[in-house]
Amino acid sequence: MMITDTHTHLYSEAFDEDRNELIQSAIEQGIGRFFIPAIDSAYTDSMLQLERDFPDHVYLMMGLHPTHVKENYTEELAHVEAMLSKRKFCAVGEIGIDLYWDKTYFNEQRLAFKKQIALAKSMGLPIVIHCRESFEEIFEVLEEEKDESLFGIFHCFTGTYEQALKAIGYNMKLGIGGVVTFKNGKIDKFLDRIHLEHLVLETDAPYLAPAPYRGKRNVPSYLMEVLNKLSDIYQIPVEEVARITTENSKKVFGI
């Protein structure tokens, strides 16, 4: 059984004490593919080191996270563009709009989002979208950018059934993580109405640990809790959920 984590920050400082052990433990459980989103230039070296340490399991994205869009965002975008021109990445991400923490740089976030979508399209790469309290703003941009070259993943999907259908309509898979196990997560109430071909698994580690670990550091092996929950929702074996969602990840990333 091959299980794919399509979104995990394994280079995070939260893993500095036990990173290798945690990754090895996950690999032994069948979680063998880790897709790594970028945040900003400060983390690039750590991402590259992670890839060197686990070359058969780790696949890197490049992008500027919306919460890290600040006064210097044009410099950060130049770094993203330079890195994409130097070597291969599996996606442009994570990118998008976040209006939860701070609305100060909303216009800059929107500009950075559109710029990075253009980069992804020019290179035939998928995008990985971060959306927090910004569904309408994200959809507005996607409506402007939609064409046959727009595709990717709506990371950590937490929206409604109607928003799920809308995201899928823009050629996006839905990234399903720990929220699906939360009592108040809500998405578990309608996911069985969404065909499994539209979903991929993710942890977003070290964030958003699933129940029964909610509030603690999320680690790679906790993806099994998400896998088990989807098995319950769809009433099919965990092996089938793993197979379908891994195939979906291959279609997105081409890996």
C-alpha atoms as a PDB file:
ATOM      1  CA  MET A   1       0.000   0.000   0.000  1.00  0.00           C
ATOM      2  CA  MET A   2       1.432   3.331  -1.098  1.00  0.00           C
ATOM      3  CA  ILE A   3       0.103   6.411   0.721  1.00  0.00           C
ATOM      4  CA  THR A   4       0.827   9.971  -0.418  1.00  0.00           C
ATOM      5  CA  ASP A   5       1.010  13.082   1.750  1.00  0.00           C
ATOM      6  CA  THR A   6       0.484  15.922  -0.709  1.00  0.00           C
ATOM      7  CA  HIS A   7       1.231  18.726   1.760  1.00  0.00           C
ATOM      8  CA  THR A   8       3.682  18.597   4.648  1.00  0.00           C
ATOM      9  CA  HIS A   9       6.218  21.084   6.055  1.00  0.00           C
ATOM     10  CA  LEU A  10       8.807  18.496   7.093  1.00  0.00           C
ATOM     11  CA  TYR A  11      11.567  21.117   7.019  1.00  0.00           C
ATOM     12  CA  SER A  12       9.850  23.025   9.847  1.00  0.00           C
ATOM     13  CA  GLU A  13      11.800  23.794  13.002  1.00  0.00           C
ATOM     14  CA  ALA A  14       9.153  21.752  14.825  1.00  0.00           C
ATOM     15  CA  PHE A  15      10.892  18.628  13.515  1.00  0.00           C
ATOM     16  CA  ASP A  16      14.510  19.572  14.191  1.00  0.00           C
ATOM     17  CA  GLU A  17      14.855  17.110  17.082  1.00  0.00           C
ATOM     18  CA  ASP A  18      13.362  13.996  15.497  1.00  0.00           C
ATOM     19  CA  ARG A  19      12.757  14.617  11.786  1.00  0.00           C
ATOM     20  CA  ASN A  20      14.536  11.545  10.406  1.00  0.00           C
ATOM     21  CA  GLU A  21      12.916   9.168  12.884  1.00  0.00           C
ATOM     22  CA  LEU A  22       9.423  10.506  12.164  1.00  0.00           C
ATOM     23  CA  ILE A  23       9.853  10.278   8.409  1.00  0.00           C
ATOM     24  CA  GLN A  24      11.306   6.770   8.606  1.00  0.00           C
ATOM     25  CA  SER A  25       8.422   5.650  10.809  1.00  0.00           C
ATOM     26  CA  ALA A  26       5.911   6.984   8.277  1.00  0.00           C
ATOM     27  CA  ILE A  27       7.716   5.264   5.394  1.00  0.00           C
ATOM     28  CA  GLU A  28       7.522   1.961   7.267  1.00  0.00           C
ATOM     29  CA  GLN A  29       3.738   2.435   7.521  1.00  0.00           C
ATOM     30  CA  GLY A  30       3.457   2.905   3.756  1.00  0.00           C
ATOM     31  CA  ILE A  31       3.510   6.703   3.608  1.00  0.00           C
ATOM     32  CA  GLY A  32       6.217   6.929   0.999  1.00  0.00           C
ATOM     33  CA  ARG A  33       5.571  10.150  -0.934  1.00  0.00           C
ATOM     34  CA  PHE A  34       5.888  13.580   0.701  1.00  0.00           C
ATOM     35  CA  PHE A  35       5.131  16.756  -1.266  1.00  0.00           C
ATOM     36  CA  ILE A  36       6.724  19.801   0.334  1.00  0.00           C
ATOM     37  CA  PRO A  37       5.233  23.307  -0.049  1.00  0.00           C
ATOM     38  CA  ALA A  38       7.381  26.419   0.207  1.00  0.00           C
ATOM     39  CA  ILE A  39       6.822  29.389   2.527  1.00  0.00           C
ATOM     40  CA  ASP A  40       9.469  31.966   1.598  1.00  0.00           C
ATOM     41  CA  SER A  41      13.170  32.225   0.753  1.00  0.00           C
ATOM     42  CA  ALA A  42      14.241  31.744   4.374  1.00  0.00           C
ATOM     43  CA  TYR A  43      13.250  28.064   4.137  1.00  0.00           C
ATOM     44  CA  THR A  44      14.713  27.201   0.739  1.00  0.00           C
ATOM     45  CA  ASP A  45      17.976  25.766   2.056  1.00  0.00           C
ATOM     46  CA  SER A  46      16.121  23.602   4.591  1.00  0.00           C
ATOM     47  CA  MET A  47      13.852  22.280   1.850  1.00  0.00           C
ATOM     48  CA  LEU A  48      16.798  21.409  -0.380  1.00  0.00           C
ATOM     49  CA  GLN A  49      18.506  19.611   2.513  1.00  0.00           C
ATOM     50  CA  LEU A  50      15.361  17.595   3.183  1.00  0.00           C
ATOM     51  CA  GLU A  51      15.329  16.514  -0.450  1.00  0.00           C
ATOM     52  CA  ARG A  52      18.993  15.473  -0.226  1.00  0.00           C
ATOM     53  CA  ASP A  53      18.256  13.438   2.895  1.00  0.00           C
ATOM     54  CA  PHE A  54      15.238  11.618   1.400  1.00  0.00           C
ATOM     55  CA  PRO A  55      15.661  11.773  -2.387  1.00  0.00           C
ATOM     56  CA  ASP A  56      13.342   8.831  -3.077  1.00  0.00           C
ATOM     57  CA  HIS A  57      10.486  10.176  -0.993  1.00  0.00           C
ATOM     58  CA  VAL A  58      10.512  13.993  -0.984  1.00  0.00           C
ATOM     59  CA  TYR A  59       9.279  16.273  -3.779  1.00  0.00           C
ATOM     60  CA  LEU A  60       9.609  20.034  -3.533  1.00  0.00           C
ATOM     61  CA  MET A  61       7.332  22.897  -4.523  1.00  0.00           C
ATOM     62  CA  MET A  62       8.381  26.521  -4.897  1.00  0.00           C
ATOM     63  CA  GLY A  63       6.281  29.559  -4.038  1.00  0.00           C
ATOM     64  CA  LEU A  64       5.533  32.425  -1.683  1.00  0.00           C
ATOM     65  CA  HIS A  65       3.004  31.715   1.085  1.00  0.00           C
ATOM     66  CA  PRO A  66       0.336  34.441   1.343  1.00  0.00           C
ATOM     67  CA  THR A  67       0.994  35.118   5.044  1.00  0.00           C
ATOM     68  CA  HIS A  68       4.603  35.895   4.089  1.00  0.00           C
ATOM     69  CA  VAL A  69       3.638  38.489   1.478  1.00  0.00           C
ATOM     70  CA  LYS A  70       5.033  41.693   3.012  1.00  0.00           C
ATOM     71  CA  GLU A  71       6.753  44.898   1.837  1.00  0.00           C
ATOM     72  CA  ASN A  72       9.483  42.841   0.170  1.00  0.00           C
ATOM     73  CA  TYR A  73       7.114  40.591  -1.758  1.00  0.00           C
ATOM     74  CA  THR A  74       8.595  41.526  -5.148  1.00  0.00           C
ATOM     75  CA  GLU A  75      12.020  40.354  -3.961  1.00  0.00           C
ATOM     76  CA  GLU A  76      10.472  37.116  -2.711  1.00  0.00           C
ATOM     77  CA  LEU A  77       8.707  36.582  -6.036  1.00  0.00           C
ATOM     78  CA  ALA A  78      12.015  37.153  -7.816  1.00  0.00           C
ATOM     79  CA  HIS A  79      13.491  34.371  -5.660  1.00  0.00           C
ATOM     80  CA  VAL A  80      10.606  32.061  -6.593  1.00  0.00           C
ATOM     81  CA  GLU A  81      11.085  32.789 -10.286  1.00  0.00           C
ATOM     82  CA  ALA A  82      14.862  32.325 -10.052  1.00  0.00           C
ATOM     83  CA  MET A  83      14.511  28.962  -8.308  1.00  0.00           C
ATOM     84  CA  LEU A  84      11.940  27.742 -10.814  1.00  0.00           C
ATOM     85  CA  SER A  85      14.347  28.623 -13.636  1.00  0.00           C
ATOM     86  CA  LYS A  86      17.257  26.776 -11.998  1.00  0.00           C
ATOM     87  CA  ARG A  87      15.835  23.339 -11.329  1.00  0.00           C
ATOM     88  CA  LYS A  88      12.744  21.159 -11.371  1.00  0.00           C
ATOM     89  CA  PHE A  89       9.917  21.574  -8.863  1.00  0.00           C
ATOM     90  CA  CYS A  90       6.685  19.587  -8.721  1.00  0.00           C
ATOM     91  CA  ALA A  91       4.335  22.577  -8.249  1.00  0.00           C
ATOM     92  CA  VAL A  92       4.045  26.268  -7.484  1.00  0.00           C
ATOM     93  CA  GLY A  93       2.870  26.434  -3.895  1.00  0.00           C
ATOM     94  CA  GLU A  94       1.714  27.117  -1.480  1.00  0.00           C
ATOM     95  CA  ILE A  95       0.156  30.261  -2.841  1.00  0.00           C
ATOM     96  CA  GLY A  96      -3.140  32.054  -2.395  1.00  0.00           C
ATOM     97  CA  ILE A  97      -4.859  34.513  -0.082  1.00  0.00           C
ATOM     98  CA  ASP A  98      -5.100  34.489   3.729  1.00  0.00           C
ATOM     99  CA  LEU A  99      -7.383  37.053   5.373  1.00  0.00           C
ATOM    100  CA  TYR A 100      -7.454  35.382   8.802  1.00  0.00           C
ATOM    101  CA  TRP A 101      -4.282  36.784  10.330  1.00  0.00           C
ATOM    102  CA  ASP A 102      -3.861  40.128   8.610  1.00  0.00           C
ATOM    103  CA  LYS A 103      -5.611  42.003   5.815  1.00  0.00           C
ATOM    104  CA  THR A 104      -2.892  44.684   5.528  1.00  0.00           C
ATOM    105  CA  TYR A 105      -1.328  43.186   2.407  1.00  0.00           C
ATOM    106  CA  PHE A 106      -4.469  41.906   0.703  1.00  0.00           C
ATOM    107  CA  ASN A 107      -3.732  43.705  -2.578  1.00  0.00           C
ATOM    108  CA  GLU A 108      -0.154  42.413  -2.555  1.00  0.00           C
ATOM    109  CA  GLN A 109      -1.374  38.896  -1.766  1.00  0.00           C
ATOM    110  CA  ARG A 110      -3.698  39.044  -4.744  1.00  0.00           C
ATOM    111  CA  LEU A 111      -0.944  40.296  -7.035  1.00  0.00           C
ATOM    112  CA  ALA A 112       1.474  37.625  -5.782  1.00  0.00           C
ATOM    113  CA  PHE A 113      -1.172  34.933  -6.279  1.00  0.00           C
ATOM    114  CA  LYS A 114      -1.815  35.967  -9.876  1.00  0.00           C
ATOM    115  CA  LYS A 115       1.894  36.295 -10.641  1.00  0.00           C
ATOM    116  CA  GLN A 116       2.588  32.800  -9.357  1.00  0.00           C
ATOM    117  CA  ILE A 117      -0.351  31.324 -11.246  1.00  0.00           C
ATOM    118  CA  ALA A 118       1.172  32.832 -14.394  1.00  0.00           C
ATOM    119  CA  LEU A 119       4.531  31.247 -13.548  1.00  0.00           C
ATOM    120  CA  ALA A 120       2.899  27.865 -13.030  1.00  0.00           C
ATOM    121  CA  LYS A 121       1.033  28.074 -16.320  1.00  0.00           C
ATOM    122  CA  SER A 122       4.164  29.070 -18.217  1.00  0.00           C
ATOM    123  CA  MET A 123       5.951  25.978 -16.890  1.00  0.00           C
ATOM    124  CA  GLY A 124       3.055  23.546 -17.100  1.00  0.00           C
ATOM    125  CA  LEU A 125       3.012  23.113 -13.323  1.00  0.00           C
ATOM    126  CA  PRO A 126       0.097  22.690 -10.928  1.00  0.00           C
ATOM    127  CA  ILE A 127      -0.631  25.249  -8.218  1.00  0.00           C
ATOM    128  CA  VAL A 128      -1.282  24.441  -4.564  1.00  0.00           C
ATOM    129  CA  ILE A 129      -3.699  26.925  -3.034  1.00  0.00           C
ATOM    130  CA  HIS A 130      -3.764  28.235   0.529  1.00  0.00           C
ATOM    131  CA  CYS A 131      -7.193  29.668   1.338  1.00  0.00           C
ATOM    132  CA  ARG A 132      -8.171  30.971   4.759  1.00  0.00           C
ATOM    133  CA  GLU A 133     -11.275  33.126   5.151  1.00  0.00           C
ATOM    134  CA  SER A 134     -10.845  34.028   1.487  1.00  0.00           C
ATOM    135  CA  PHE A 135     -12.919  31.645  -0.625  1.00  0.00           C
ATOM    136  CA  GLU A 136     -14.649  34.390  -2.582  1.00  0.00           C
ATOM    137  CA  GLU A 137     -11.390  36.264  -3.171  1.00  0.00           C
ATOM    138  CA  ILE A 138      -9.681  33.050  -4.331  1.00  0.00           C
ATOM    139  CA  PHE A 139     -12.559  32.125  -6.620  1.00  0.00           C
ATOM    140  CA  GLU A 140     -12.506  35.612  -8.123  1.00  0.00           C
ATOM    141  CA  VAL A 141      -8.868  35.153  -9.131  1.00  0.00           C
ATOM    142  CA  LEU A 142      -9.453  31.609 -10.401  1.00  0.00           C
ATOM    143  CA  GLU A 143     -12.358  32.857 -12.514  1.00  0.00           C
ATOM    144  CA  GLU A 144     -10.009  35.379 -14.125  1.00  0.00           C
ATOM    145  CA  GLU A 145      -7.281  32.778 -14.660  1.00  0.00           C
ATOM    146  CA  LYS A 146      -9.276  29.707 -15.662  1.00  0.00           C
ATOM    147  CA  ASP A 147      -8.204  27.883 -18.819  1.00  0.00           C
ATOM    148  CA  GLU A 148      -6.944  24.434 -19.755  1.00  0.00           C
ATOM    149  CA  SER A 149      -3.533  25.153 -18.197  1.00  0.00           C
ATOM    150  CA  LEU A 150      -4.930  25.897 -14.721  1.00  0.00           C
ATOM    151  CA  PHE A 151      -4.905  22.881 -12.385  1.00  0.00           C
ATOM    152  CA  GLY A 152      -3.755  21.855  -8.953  1.00  0.00           C
ATOM    153  CA  ILE A 153      -4.871  21.310  -5.363  1.00  0.00           C
ATOM    154  CA  PHE A 154      -7.054  23.309  -2.997  1.00  0.00           C
ATOM    155  CA  HIS A 155      -4.918  22.626   0.066  1.00  0.00           C
ATOM    156  CA  CYS A 156      -6.620  21.967   3.435  1.00  0.00           C
ATOM    157  CA  PHE A 157     -10.109  22.269   2.020  1.00  0.00           C
ATOM    158  CA  THR A 158     -12.535  23.482   4.716  1.00  0.00           C
ATOM    159  CA  GLY A 159     -15.378  24.898   2.659  1.00  0.00           C
ATOM    160  CA  THR A 160     -18.973  23.939   1.976  1.00  0.00           C
ATOM    161  CA  TYR A 161     -20.286  21.358  -0.478  1.00  0.00           C
ATOM    162  CA  GLU A 162     -21.055  24.142  -2.953  1.00  0.00           C
ATOM    163  CA  GLN A 163     -17.537  25.562  -2.588  1.00  0.00           C
ATOM    164  CA  ALA A 164     -16.098  22.081  -3.087  1.00  0.00           C
ATOM    165  CA  LEU A 165     -17.939  21.745  -6.391  1.00  0.00           C
ATOM    166  CA  LYS A 166     -16.771  25.202  -7.423  1.00  0.00           C
ATOM    167  CA  ALA A 167     -13.131  24.375  -6.636  1.00  0.00           C
ATOM    168  CA  ILE A 168     -13.382  21.118  -8.593  1.00  0.00           C
ATOM    169  CA  GLY A 169     -14.834  23.127 -11.465  1.00  0.00           C
ATOM    170  CA  TYR A 170     -11.545  25.020 -11.664  1.00  0.00           C
ATOM    171  CA  ASN A 171      -9.709  21.706 -12.159  1.00  0.00           C
ATOM    172  CA  MET A 172      -8.595  21.488  -8.522  1.00  0.00           C
ATOM    173  CA  LYS A 173      -8.330  18.421  -6.331  1.00  0.00           C
ATOM    174  CA  LEU A 174      -9.377  18.889  -2.708  1.00  0.00           C
ATOM    175  CA  GLY A 175      -6.632  18.391  -0.123  1.00  0.00           C
ATOM    176  CA  ILE A 176      -8.149  16.522   2.818  1.00  0.00           C
ATOM    177  CA  GLY A 177      -6.321  16.511   6.146  1.00  0.00           C
ATOM    178  CA  GLY A 178      -6.940  16.492   9.882  1.00  0.00           C
ATOM    179  CA  VAL A 179     -10.013  18.745   9.680  1.00  0.00           C
ATOM    180  CA  VAL A 180     -12.035  15.803   8.341  1.00  0.00           C
ATOM    181  CA  THR A 181     -11.629  14.119  11.746  1.00  0.00           C
ATOM    182  CA  PHE A 182     -12.764  17.149  13.796  1.00  0.00           C
ATOM    183  CA  LYS A 183     -16.197  17.014  15.432  1.00  0.00           C
ATOM    184  CA  ASN A 184     -16.940  20.503  14.097  1.00  0.00           C
ATOM    185  CA  GLY A 185     -14.956  20.113  10.858  1.00  0.00           C
ATOM    186  CA  LYS A 186     -18.188  19.860   8.805  1.00  0.00           C
ATOM    187  CA  ILE A 187     -16.594  18.548   5.607  1.00  0.00           C
ATOM    188  CA  ASP A 188     -17.156  14.943   6.755  1.00  0.00           C
ATOM    189  CA  LYS A 189     -20.902  15.604   6.471  1.00  0.00           C
ATOM    190  CA  PHE A 190     -20.832  15.965   2.669  1.00  0.00           C
ATOM    191  CA  LEU A 191     -17.618  14.348   1.415  1.00  0.00           C
ATOM    192  CA  ASP A 192     -19.415  11.151   0.445  1.00  0.00           C
ATOM    193  CA  ARG A 193     -21.219  13.251  -2.193  1.00  0.00           C
ATOM    194  CA  ILE A 194     -17.829  14.108  -3.754  1.00  0.00           C
ATOM    195  CA  HIS A 195     -16.276  11.363  -5.846  1.00  0.00           C
ATOM    196  CA  LEU A 196     -13.002  10.121  -4.389  1.00  0.00           C
ATOM    197  CA  GLU A 197     -11.269  10.896  -7.702  1.00  0.00           C
ATOM    198  CA  HIS A 198     -11.331  14.562  -6.644  1.00  0.00           C
ATOM    199  CA  LEU A 199      -9.484  14.093  -3.333  1.00  0.00           C
ATOM    200  CA  VAL A 200      -5.883  13.855  -2.187  1.00  0.00           C
ATOM    201  CA  LEU A 201      -4.542  13.255   1.327  1.00  0.00           C
ATOM    202  CA  GLU A 202      -2.410  15.642   3.347  1.00  0.00           C
ATOM    203  CA  THR A 203      -1.204  16.310   6.883  1.00  0.00           C
ATOM    204  CA  ASP A 204      -0.045  19.955   6.730  1.00  0.00           C
ATOM    205  CA  ALA A 205       2.352  18.799   9.457  1.00  0.00           C
ATOM    206  CA  PRO A 206       3.262  20.175  11.946  1.00  0.00           C
ATOM    207  CA  TYR A 207      -0.135  21.906  11.852  1.00  0.00           C
ATOM    208  CA  LEU A 208      -3.738  20.674  12.119  1.00  0.00           C
ATOM    209  CA  ALA A 209      -3.167  17.311  13.789  1.00  0.00           C
ATOM    210  CA  PRO A 210      -6.173  15.011  13.391  1.00  0.00           C
ATOM    211  CA  ALA A 211      -8.271  13.658  16.230  1.00  0.00           C
ATOM    212  CA  PRO A 212      -7.362  12.188  18.679  1.00  0.00           C
ATOM    213  CA  TYR A 213      -4.184  14.327  18.527  1.00  0.00           C
ATOM    214  CA  ARG A 214      -5.871  17.673  17.873  1.00  0.00           C
ATOM    215  CA  GLY A 215      -3.919  20.567  19.374  1.00  0.00           C
ATOM    216  CA  LYS A 216      -0.643  18.659  19.384  1.00  0.00           C
ATOM    217  CA  ARG A 217       2.184  18.670  16.860  1.00  0.00           C
ATOM    218  CA  ASN A 218       1.097  16.927  13.686  1.00  0.00           C
ATOM    219  CA  VAL A 219       3.537  14.262  12.456  1.00  0.00           C
ATOM    220  CA  PRO A 220       3.727  12.269   9.197  1.00  0.00           C
ATOM    221  CA  SER A 221       2.291   9.025  10.581  1.00  0.00           C
ATOM    222  CA  TYR A 222      -0.917  10.779  11.661  1.00  0.00           C
ATOM    223  CA  LEU A 223      -1.942  10.693   8.002  1.00  0.00           C
ATOM    224  CA  MET A 224      -3.237   7.218   8.858  1.00  0.00           C
ATOM    225  CA  GLU A 225      -6.028   8.860  10.892  1.00  0.00           C
ATOM    226  CA  VAL A 226      -7.149  10.798   7.811  1.00  0.00           C
ATOM    227  CA  LEU A 227      -6.937   7.660   5.682  1.00  0.00           C
ATOM    228  CA  ASN A 228      -9.036   5.698   8.182  1.00  0.00           C
ATOM    229  CA  LYS A 229     -11.647   8.464   8.380  1.00  0.00           C
ATOM    230  CA  LEU A 230     -12.057   8.535   4.589  1.00  0.00           C
ATOM    231  CA  SER A 231     -12.338   4.747   4.616  1.00  0.00           C
ATOM    232  CA  ASP A 232     -15.250   5.125   7.055  1.00  0.00           C
ATOM    233  CA  ILE A 233     -16.892   7.920   5.057  1.00  0.00           C
ATOM    234  CA  TYR A 234     -16.724   6.099   1.725  1.00  0.00           C
ATOM    235  CA  GLN A 235     -17.203   2.623   3.192  1.00  0.00           C
ATOM    236  CA  ILE A 236     -14.298   1.158   1.253  1.00  0.00           C
ATOM    237  CA  PRO A 237     -11.038  -0.428   2.462  1.00  0.00           C
ATOM    238  CA  VAL A 238      -8.155   1.838   3.474  1.00  0.00           C
ATOM    239  CA  GLU A 239      -6.055   0.220   0.741  1.00  0.00           C
ATOM    240  CA  GLU A 240      -8.509   1.447  -1.882  1.00  0.00           C
ATOM    241  CA  VAL A 241      -8.549   4.980  -0.471  1.00  0.00           C
ATOM    242  CA  ALA A 242      -4.742   4.962  -0.492  1.00  0.00           C
ATOM    243  CA  ARG A 243      -4.624   3.675  -4.072  1.00  0.00           C
ATOM    244  CA  ILE A 244      -7.117   6.164  -5.487  1.00  0.00           C
ATOM    245  CA  THR A 245      -5.737   9.223  -3.677  1.00  0.00           C
ATOM    246  CA  THR A 246      -2.173   8.311  -4.623  1.00  0.00           C
ATOM    247  CA  GLU A 247      -3.249   7.967  -8.258  1.00  0.00           C
ATOM    248  CA  ASN A 248      -4.911  11.367  -7.978  1.00  0.00           C
ATOM    249  CA  SER A 249      -1.649  12.853  -6.688  1.00  0.00           C
ATOM    250  CA  LYS A 250       0.217  11.360  -9.640  1.00  0.00           C
ATOM    251  CA  LYS A 251      -2.208  13.037 -12.033  1.00  0.00           C
ATOM    252  CA  VAL A 252      -1.608  16.403 -10.394  1.00  0.00           C
ATOM    253  CA  PHE A 253       2.152  16.297  -9.872  1.00  0.00           C
ATOM    254  CA  GLY A 254       3.125  13.988 -12.736  1.00  0.00           C
ATOM    255  CA  ILE A 255       5.256  11.954 -10.319  1.00  0.00           C
END
